[in-house]
Amino acid sequence: MKFVPKPKSIMGDWIAVHSRVVHCPIQFKHIPWGTVWIREDIWNSPVRRYHTIKHEELEYHYMEDLKLSYPEAHRRANLIWG
């Protein structure tokens, strides 16, 4: 999985987003598979970056390996990584 920091001007209020997020704004529809965009202010904070990356990795695992929907994967990842 590849993590790419993006400015708030692109991300808006989104902390992180990947190609499997449902109901996301149009500017996120072209994110390459296996890539996660993380807002720069999150990326620049080591603690927040670590927790966000762990959340996204777990979310991907739930979707890819356990075949859960994005909403369910996101909910479960939030229970562990907030």
PDB file of N, CA and C in Angstrom:
ATOM      1  N   MET A   1       0.841  -1.154   0.000  1.00  0.00           N
ATOM      2  CA  MET A   1       0.000   0.000   0.000  1.00  0.00           C
ATOM      3  C   MET A   1       0.902   1.236   0.000  1.00  0.00           C
ATOM      4  N   LYS A   2       0.526   2.196  -0.813  1.00  0.00           N
ATOM      5  CA  LYS A   2       1.298   3.425  -0.954  1.00  0.00           C
ATOM      6  C   LYS A   2       0.513   4.579  -0.330  1.00  0.00           C
ATOM      7  N   PHE A   3       1.182   5.376   0.497  1.00  0.00           N
ATOM      8  CA  PHE A   3       0.569   6.522   1.142  1.00  0.00           C
ATOM      9  C   PHE A   3       1.154   7.797   0.551  1.00  0.00           C
ATOM     10  N   VAL A   4       0.269   8.705   0.151  1.00  0.00           N
ATOM     11  CA  VAL A   4       0.690   9.935  -0.516  1.00  0.00           C
ATOM     12  C   VAL A   4       0.066  11.135   0.204  1.00  0.00           C
ATOM     13  N   PRO A   5       0.906  12.041   0.743  1.00  0.00           N
ATOM     14  CA  PRO A   5       0.352  13.247   1.362  1.00  0.00           C
ATOM     15  C   PRO A   5      -0.201  14.201   0.309  1.00  0.00           C
ATOM     16  N   LYS A   6      -1.333  14.802   0.621  1.00  0.00           N
ATOM     17  CA  LYS A   6      -1.986  15.756  -0.285  1.00  0.00           C
ATOM     18  C   LYS A   6      -2.396  16.990   0.510  1.00  0.00           C
ATOM     19  N   PRO A   7      -2.369  18.175  -0.106  1.00  0.00           N
ATOM     20  CA  PRO A   7      -2.734  19.401   0.608  1.00  0.00           C
ATOM     21  C   PRO A   7      -4.232  19.462   0.921  1.00  0.00           C
ATOM     22  N   LYS A   8      -4.556  20.268   1.910  1.00  0.00           N
ATOM     23  CA  LYS A   8      -5.948  20.460   2.308  1.00  0.00           C
ATOM     24  C   LYS A   8      -6.777  21.006   1.156  1.00  0.00           C
ATOM     25  N   SER A   9      -6.137  21.734   0.231  1.00  0.00           N
ATOM     26  CA  SER A   9      -6.877  22.265  -0.915  1.00  0.00           C
ATOM     27  C   SER A   9      -7.458  21.148  -1.781  1.00  0.00           C
ATOM     28  N   ILE A  10      -6.857  19.976  -1.751  1.00  0.00           N
ATOM     29  CA  ILE A  10      -7.368  18.806  -2.476  1.00  0.00           C
ATOM     30  C   ILE A  10      -8.240  17.943  -1.564  1.00  0.00           C
ATOM     31  N   MET A  11      -7.790  17.751  -0.334  1.00  0.00           N
ATOM     32  CA  MET A  11      -8.456  16.825   0.589  1.00  0.00           C
ATOM     33  C   MET A  11      -9.674  17.413   1.277  1.00  0.00           C
ATOM     34  N   GLY A  12      -9.720  18.730   1.419  1.00  0.00           N
ATOM     35  CA  GLY A  12     -10.824  19.320   2.172  1.00  0.00           C
ATOM     36  C   GLY A  12     -10.779  18.829   3.613  1.00  0.00           C
ATOM     37  N   ASP A  13     -11.908  18.387   4.137  1.00  0.00           N
ATOM     38  CA  ASP A  13     -11.971  17.898   5.516  1.00  0.00           C
ATOM     39  C   ASP A  13     -11.657  16.408   5.639  1.00  0.00           C
ATOM     40  N   TRP A  14     -11.417  15.736   4.525  1.00  0.00           N
ATOM     41  CA  TRP A  14     -11.096  14.307   4.553  1.00  0.00           C
ATOM     42  C   TRP A  14      -9.695  14.115   5.123  1.00  0.00           C
ATOM     43  N   ILE A  15      -9.551  13.196   6.061  1.00  0.00           N
ATOM     44  CA  ILE A  15      -8.242  12.885   6.644  1.00  0.00           C
ATOM     45  C   ILE A  15      -7.465  11.973   5.714  1.00  0.00           C
ATOM     46  N   ALA A  16      -8.116  10.943   5.231  1.00  0.00           N
ATOM     47  CA  ALA A  16      -7.490   9.986   4.320  1.00  0.00           C
ATOM     48  C   ALA A  16      -8.577   9.403   3.430  1.00  0.00           C
ATOM     49  N   VAL A  17      -8.189   9.037   2.220  1.00  0.00           N
ATOM     50  CA  VAL A  17      -9.160   8.468   1.288  1.00  0.00           C
ATOM     51  C   VAL A  17      -8.432   7.541   0.313  1.00  0.00           C
ATOM     52  N   HIS A  18      -9.123   6.489  -0.094  1.00  0.00           N
ATOM     53  CA  HIS A  18      -8.562   5.547  -1.071  1.00  0.00           C
ATOM     54  C   HIS A  18      -9.646   5.182  -2.075  1.00  0.00           C
ATOM     55  N   SER A  19      -9.292   4.391  -3.041  1.00  0.00           N
ATOM     56  CA  SER A  19     -10.191   4.081  -4.159  1.00  0.00           C
ATOM     57  C   SER A  19     -11.437   3.305  -3.751  1.00  0.00           C
ATOM     58  N   ARG A  20     -11.443   2.704  -2.579  1.00  0.00           N
ATOM     59  CA  ARG A  20     -12.592   1.898  -2.163  1.00  0.00           C
ATOM     60  C   ARG A  20     -13.601   2.660  -1.316  1.00  0.00           C
ATOM     61  N   VAL A  21     -13.318   3.928  -1.019  1.00  0.00           N
ATOM     62  CA  VAL A  21     -14.247   4.716  -0.217  1.00  0.00           C
ATOM     63  C   VAL A  21     -15.508   4.969  -1.035  1.00  0.00           C
ATOM     64  N   VAL A  22     -16.640   4.712  -0.439  1.00  0.00           N
ATOM     65  CA  VAL A  22     -17.908   4.945  -1.133  1.00  0.00           C
ATOM     66  C   VAL A  22     -18.404   6.360  -0.836  1.00  0.00           C
ATOM     67  N   HIS A  23     -19.184   6.897  -1.743  1.00  0.00           N
ATOM     68  CA  HIS A  23     -19.781   8.221  -1.574  1.00  0.00           C
ATOM     69  C   HIS A  23     -18.753   9.322  -1.342  1.00  0.00           C
ATOM     70  N   CYS A  24     -17.611   9.214  -2.000  1.00  0.00           N
ATOM     71  CA  CYS A  24     -16.608  10.262  -1.849  1.00  0.00           C
ATOM     72  C   CYS A  24     -16.741  11.287  -2.968  1.00  0.00           C
ATOM     73  N   PRO A  25     -16.242  12.497  -2.755  1.00  0.00           N
ATOM     74  CA  PRO A  25     -16.307  13.521  -3.796  1.00  0.00           C
ATOM     75  C   PRO A  25     -15.585  13.097  -5.073  1.00  0.00           C
ATOM     76  N   ILE A  26     -15.945  13.708  -6.160  1.00  0.00           N
ATOM     77  CA  ILE A  26     -15.434  13.346  -7.482  1.00  0.00           C
ATOM     78  C   ILE A  26     -13.918  13.443  -7.589  1.00  0.00           C
ATOM     79  N   GLN A  27     -13.289  14.360  -6.864  1.00  0.00           N
ATOM     80  CA  GLN A  27     -11.836  14.514  -6.983  1.00  0.00           C
ATOM     81  C   GLN A  27     -11.075  13.290  -6.480  1.00  0.00           C
ATOM     82  N   PHE A  28     -11.757  12.382  -5.776  1.00  0.00           N
ATOM     83  CA  PHE A  28     -11.097  11.187  -5.278  1.00  0.00           C
ATOM     84  C   PHE A  28     -11.345   9.954  -6.149  1.00  0.00           C
ATOM     85  N   LYS A  29     -12.115  10.073  -7.190  1.00  0.00           N
ATOM     86  CA  LYS A  29     -12.496   8.907  -7.993  1.00  0.00           C
ATOM     87  C   LYS A  29     -11.338   8.328  -8.811  1.00  0.00           C
ATOM     88  N   HIS A  30     -10.249   9.069  -8.967  1.00  0.00           N
ATOM     89  CA  HIS A  30      -9.129   8.601  -9.797  1.00  0.00           C
ATOM     90  C   HIS A  30      -7.914   8.159  -8.976  1.00  0.00           C
ATOM     91  N   ILE A  31      -8.084   7.941  -7.684  1.00  0.00           N
ATOM     92  CA  ILE A  31      -6.968   7.471  -6.858  1.00  0.00           C
ATOM     93  C   ILE A  31      -6.609   6.055  -7.293  1.00  0.00           C
ATOM     94  N   PRO A  32      -5.336   5.810  -7.598  1.00  0.00           N
ATOM     95  CA  PRO A  32      -4.939   4.467  -8.046  1.00  0.00           C
ATOM     96  C   PRO A  32      -5.193   3.401  -6.968  1.00  0.00           C
ATOM     97  N   TRP A  33      -5.501   2.196  -7.431  1.00  0.00           N
ATOM     98  CA  TRP A  33      -5.716   1.062  -6.540  1.00  0.00           C
ATOM     99  C   TRP A  33      -4.475   0.860  -5.673  1.00  0.00           C
ATOM    100  N   GLY A  34      -4.672   0.640  -4.397  1.00  0.00           N
ATOM    101  CA  GLY A  34      -3.556   0.396  -3.489  1.00  0.00           C
ATOM    102  C   GLY A  34      -2.888   1.667  -2.991  1.00  0.00           C
ATOM    103  N   THR A  35      -3.460   2.818  -3.323  1.00  0.00           N
ATOM    104  CA  THR A  35      -2.917   4.105  -2.893  1.00  0.00           C
ATOM    105  C   THR A  35      -3.895   4.779  -1.945  1.00  0.00           C
ATOM    106  N   VAL A  36      -3.345   5.386  -0.907  1.00  0.00           N
ATOM    107  CA  VAL A  36      -4.147   6.136   0.053  1.00  0.00           C
ATOM    108  C   VAL A  36      -3.613   7.558   0.102  1.00  0.00           C
ATOM    109  N   TRP A  37      -4.494   8.516  -0.096  1.00  0.00           N
ATOM    110  CA  TRP A  37      -4.119   9.916   0.066  1.00  0.00           C
ATOM    111  C   TRP A  37      -4.381  10.303   1.513  1.00  0.00           C
ATOM    112  N   ILE A  38      -3.402  10.975   2.124  1.00  0.00           N
ATOM    113  CA  ILE A  38      -3.524  11.454   3.497  1.00  0.00           C
ATOM    114  C   ILE A  38      -3.295  12.959   3.490  1.00  0.00           C
ATOM    115  N   ARG A  39      -4.174  13.664   4.169  1.00  0.00           N
ATOM    116  CA  ARG A  39      -4.042  15.118   4.231  1.00  0.00           C
ATOM    117  C   ARG A  39      -2.702  15.485   4.868  1.00  0.00           C
ATOM    118  N   GLU A  40      -2.030  16.501   4.333  1.00  0.00           N
ATOM    119  CA  GLU A  40      -0.668  16.863   4.752  1.00  0.00           C
ATOM    120  C   GLU A  40      -0.534  17.146   6.245  1.00  0.00           C
ATOM    121  N   ASP A  41      -1.507  17.809   6.855  1.00  0.00           N
ATOM    122  CA  ASP A  41      -1.375  18.104   8.286  1.00  0.00           C
ATOM    123  C   ASP A  41      -1.377  16.826   9.120  1.00  0.00           C
ATOM    124  N   ILE A  42      -2.097  15.819   8.667  1.00  0.00           N
ATOM    125  CA  ILE A  42      -2.076  14.509   9.329  1.00  0.00           C
ATOM    126  C   ILE A  42      -0.729  13.848   9.090  1.00  0.00           C
ATOM    127  N   TRP A  43      -0.262  13.884   7.850  1.00  0.00           N
ATOM    128  CA  TRP A  43       1.026  13.293   7.467  1.00  0.00           C
ATOM    129  C   TRP A  43       2.174  13.900   8.270  1.00  0.00           C
ATOM    130  N   ASN A  44       2.102  15.199   8.523  1.00  0.00           N
ATOM    131  CA  ASN A  44       3.191  15.902   9.198  1.00  0.00           C
ATOM    132  C   ASN A  44       3.192  15.718  10.713  1.00  0.00           C
ATOM    133  N   SER A  45       2.196  15.055  11.241  1.00  0.00           N
ATOM    134  CA  SER A  45       2.133  14.738  12.666  1.00  0.00           C
ATOM    135  C   SER A  45       2.436  13.248  12.828  1.00  0.00           C
ATOM    136  N   PRO A  46       3.616  12.894  13.358  1.00  0.00           N
ATOM    137  CA  PRO A  46       3.991  11.472  13.438  1.00  0.00           C
ATOM    138  C   PRO A  46       2.957  10.579  14.115  1.00  0.00           C
ATOM    139  N   VAL A  47       2.356  11.033  15.190  1.00  0.00           N
ATOM    140  CA  VAL A  47       1.368  10.207  15.898  1.00  0.00           C
ATOM    141  C   VAL A  47       0.106  10.041  15.064  1.00  0.00           C
ATOM    142  N   ARG A  48      -0.412  11.136  14.543  1.00  0.00           N
ATOM    143  CA  ARG A  48      -1.635  11.056  13.729  1.00  0.00           C
ATOM    144  C   ARG A  48      -1.386  10.256  12.450  1.00  0.00           C
ATOM    145  N   ARG A  49      -0.217  10.439  11.837  1.00  0.00           N
ATOM    146  CA  ARG A  49       0.124   9.677  10.627  1.00  0.00           C
ATOM    147  C   ARG A  49       0.133   8.182  10.941  1.00  0.00           C
ATOM    148  N   TYR A  50       0.779   7.794  12.043  1.00  0.00           N
ATOM    149  CA  TYR A  50       0.856   6.382  12.422  1.00  0.00           C
ATOM    150  C   TYR A  50      -0.548   5.787  12.596  1.00  0.00           C
ATOM    151  N   HIS A  51      -1.400   6.455  13.354  1.00  0.00           N
ATOM    152  CA  HIS A  51      -2.746   5.937  13.594  1.00  0.00           C
ATOM    153  C   HIS A  51      -3.586   5.902  12.319  1.00  0.00           C
ATOM    154  N   THR A  52      -3.428   6.896  11.471  1.00  0.00           N
ATOM    155  CA  THR A  52      -4.176   6.920  10.215  1.00  0.00           C
ATOM    156  C   THR A  52      -3.731   5.795   9.296  1.00  0.00           C
ATOM    157  N   ILE A  53      -2.426   5.581   9.198  1.00  0.00           N
ATOM    158  CA  ILE A  53      -1.916   4.493   8.356  1.00  0.00           C
ATOM    159  C   ILE A  53      -2.408   3.148   8.882  1.00  0.00           C
ATOM    160  N   LYS A  54      -2.336   2.936  10.178  1.00  0.00           N
ATOM    161  CA  LYS A  54      -2.804   1.671  10.755  1.00  0.00           C
ATOM    162  C   LYS A  54      -4.298   1.471  10.495  1.00  0.00           C
ATOM    163  N   HIS A  55      -5.078   2.535  10.632  1.00  0.00           N
ATOM    164  CA  HIS A  55      -6.515   2.455  10.347  1.00  0.00           C
ATOM    165  C   HIS A  55      -6.745   2.053   8.896  1.00  0.00           C
ATOM    166  N   GLU A  56      -6.065   2.715   7.967  1.00  0.00           N
ATOM    167  CA  GLU A  56      -6.254   2.430   6.542  1.00  0.00           C
ATOM    168  C   GLU A  56      -5.792   1.020   6.181  1.00  0.00           C
ATOM    169  N   GLU A  57      -4.686   0.568   6.744  1.00  0.00           N
ATOM    170  CA  GLU A  57      -4.216  -0.798   6.480  1.00  0.00           C
ATOM    171  C   GLU A  57      -5.227  -1.829   6.975  1.00  0.00           C
ATOM    172  N   LEU A  58      -5.770  -1.609   8.159  1.00  0.00           N
ATOM    173  CA  LEU A  58      -6.756  -2.536   8.703  1.00  0.00           C
ATOM    174  C   LEU A  58      -8.037  -2.510   7.878  1.00  0.00           C
ATOM    175  N   GLU A  59      -8.462  -1.340   7.495  1.00  0.00           N
ATOM    176  CA  GLU A  59      -9.652  -1.184   6.655  1.00  0.00           C
ATOM    177  C   GLU A  59      -9.484  -1.963   5.344  1.00  0.00           C
ATOM    178  N   TYR A  60      -8.337  -1.802   4.708  1.00  0.00           N
ATOM    179  CA  TYR A  60      -8.057  -2.537   3.468  1.00  0.00           C
ATOM    180  C   TYR A  60      -8.090  -4.044   3.707  1.00  0.00           C
ATOM    181  N   HIS A  61      -7.492  -4.486   4.809  1.00  0.00           N
ATOM    182  CA  HIS A  61      -7.490  -5.919   5.142  1.00  0.00           C
ATOM    183  C   HIS A  61      -8.931  -6.431   5.264  1.00  0.00           C
ATOM    184  N   TYR A  62      -9.767  -5.689   5.960  1.00  0.00           N
ATOM    185  CA  TYR A  62     -11.159  -6.100   6.117  1.00  0.00           C
ATOM    186  C   TYR A  62     -11.874  -6.198   4.768  1.00  0.00           C
ATOM    187  N   MET A  63     -11.589  -5.266   3.879  1.00  0.00           N
ATOM    188  CA  MET A  63     -12.272  -5.276   2.580  1.00  0.00           C
ATOM    189  C   MET A  63     -11.707  -6.349   1.658  1.00  0.00           C
ATOM    190  N   GLU A  64     -10.389  -6.441   1.589  1.00  0.00           N
ATOM    191  CA  GLU A  64      -9.760  -7.365   0.649  1.00  0.00           C
ATOM    192  C   GLU A  64      -9.814  -8.821   1.123  1.00  0.00           C
ATOM    193  N   ASP A  65      -9.436  -9.058   2.370  1.00  0.00           N
ATOM    194  CA  ASP A  65      -9.317 -10.427   2.863  1.00  0.00           C
ATOM    195  C   ASP A  65     -10.613 -10.985   3.443  1.00  0.00           C
ATOM    196  N   LEU A  66     -11.368 -10.133   4.123  1.00  0.00           N
ATOM    197  CA  LEU A  66     -12.612 -10.595   4.737  1.00  0.00           C
ATOM    198  C   LEU A  66     -13.842 -10.255   3.906  1.00  0.00           C
ATOM    199  N   LYS A  67     -13.615  -9.519   2.816  1.00  0.00           N
ATOM    200  CA  LYS A  67     -14.682  -9.163   1.865  1.00  0.00           C
ATOM    201  C   LYS A  67     -15.815  -8.352   2.511  1.00  0.00           C
ATOM    202  N   LEU A  68     -15.456  -7.518   3.484  1.00  0.00           N
ATOM    203  CA  LEU A  68     -16.450  -6.658   4.104  1.00  0.00           C
ATOM    204  C   LEU A  68     -16.692  -5.428   3.230  1.00  0.00           C
ATOM    205  N   SER A  69     -17.839  -4.828   3.366  1.00  0.00           N
ATOM    206  CA  SER A  69     -18.133  -3.587   2.660  1.00  0.00           C
ATOM    207  C   SER A  69     -17.286  -2.468   3.260  1.00  0.00           C
ATOM    208  N   TYR A  70     -17.126  -1.373   2.506  1.00  0.00           N
ATOM    209  CA  TYR A  70     -16.378  -0.241   3.046  1.00  0.00           C
ATOM    210  C   TYR A  70     -16.987   0.273   4.364  1.00  0.00           C
ATOM    211  N   PRO A  71     -18.304   0.504   4.440  1.00  0.00           N
ATOM    212  CA  PRO A  71     -18.842   1.017   5.706  1.00  0.00           C
ATOM    213  C   PRO A  71     -18.544   0.111   6.906  1.00  0.00           C
ATOM    214  N   GLU A  72     -18.658  -1.193   6.718  1.00  0.00           N
ATOM    215  CA  GLU A  72     -18.392  -2.119   7.824  1.00  0.00           C
ATOM    216  C   GLU A  72     -16.894  -2.160   8.140  1.00  0.00           C
ATOM    217  N   ALA A  73     -16.053  -2.170   7.127  1.00  0.00           N
ATOM    218  CA  ALA A  73     -14.600  -2.170   7.344  1.00  0.00           C
ATOM    219  C   ALA A  73     -14.182  -0.899   8.075  1.00  0.00           C
ATOM    220  N   HIS A  74     -14.730   0.225   7.670  1.00  0.00           N
ATOM    221  CA  HIS A  74     -14.409   1.500   8.309  1.00  0.00           C
ATOM    222  C   HIS A  74     -14.865   1.504   9.769  1.00  0.00           C
ATOM    223  N   ARG A  75     -16.056   1.018  10.006  1.00  0.00           N
ATOM    224  CA  ARG A  75     -16.580   0.956  11.378  1.00  0.00           C
ATOM    225  C   ARG A  75     -15.686   0.115  12.271  1.00  0.00           C
ATOM    226  N   ARG A  76     -15.289  -1.054  11.771  1.00  0.00           N
ATOM    227  CA  ARG A  76     -14.441  -1.958  12.569  1.00  0.00           C
ATOM    228  C   ARG A  76     -13.040  -1.372  12.784  1.00  0.00           C
ATOM    229  N   ALA A  77     -12.486  -0.757  11.755  1.00  0.00           N
ATOM    230  CA  ALA A  77     -11.160  -0.137  11.902  1.00  0.00           C
ATOM    231  C   ALA A  77     -11.222   1.005  12.914  1.00  0.00           C
ATOM    232  N   ASN A  78     -12.324   1.724  12.953  1.00  0.00           N
ATOM    233  CA  ASN A  78     -12.472   2.806  13.931  1.00  0.00           C
ATOM    234  C   ASN A  78     -12.493   2.289  15.361  1.00  0.00           C
ATOM    235  N   LEU A  79     -12.974   1.080  15.568  1.00  0.00           N
ATOM    236  CA  LEU A  79     -13.005   0.518  16.911  1.00  0.00           C
ATOM    237  C   LEU A  79     -11.596   0.313  17.457  1.00  0.00           C
ATOM    238  N   ILE A  80     -10.636   0.068  16.574  1.00  0.00           N
ATOM    239  CA  ILE A  80      -9.266  -0.201  17.003  1.00  0.00           C
ATOM    240  C   ILE A  80      -8.383   1.034  16.875  1.00  0.00           C
ATOM    241  N   TRP A  81      -8.464   1.710  15.739  1.00  0.00           N
ATOM    242  CA  TRP A  81      -7.570   2.829  15.453  1.00  0.00           C
ATOM    243  C   TRP A  81      -8.254   4.189  15.435  1.00  0.00           C
ATOM    244  N   GLY A  82      -9.512   4.244  15.775  1.00  0.00           N
ATOM    245  CA  GLY A  82     -10.226   5.509  15.885  1.00  0.00           C
ATOM    246  C   GLY A  82     -10.249   6.382  14.658  1.00  0.00           C
TER     247      GLY A  82
END
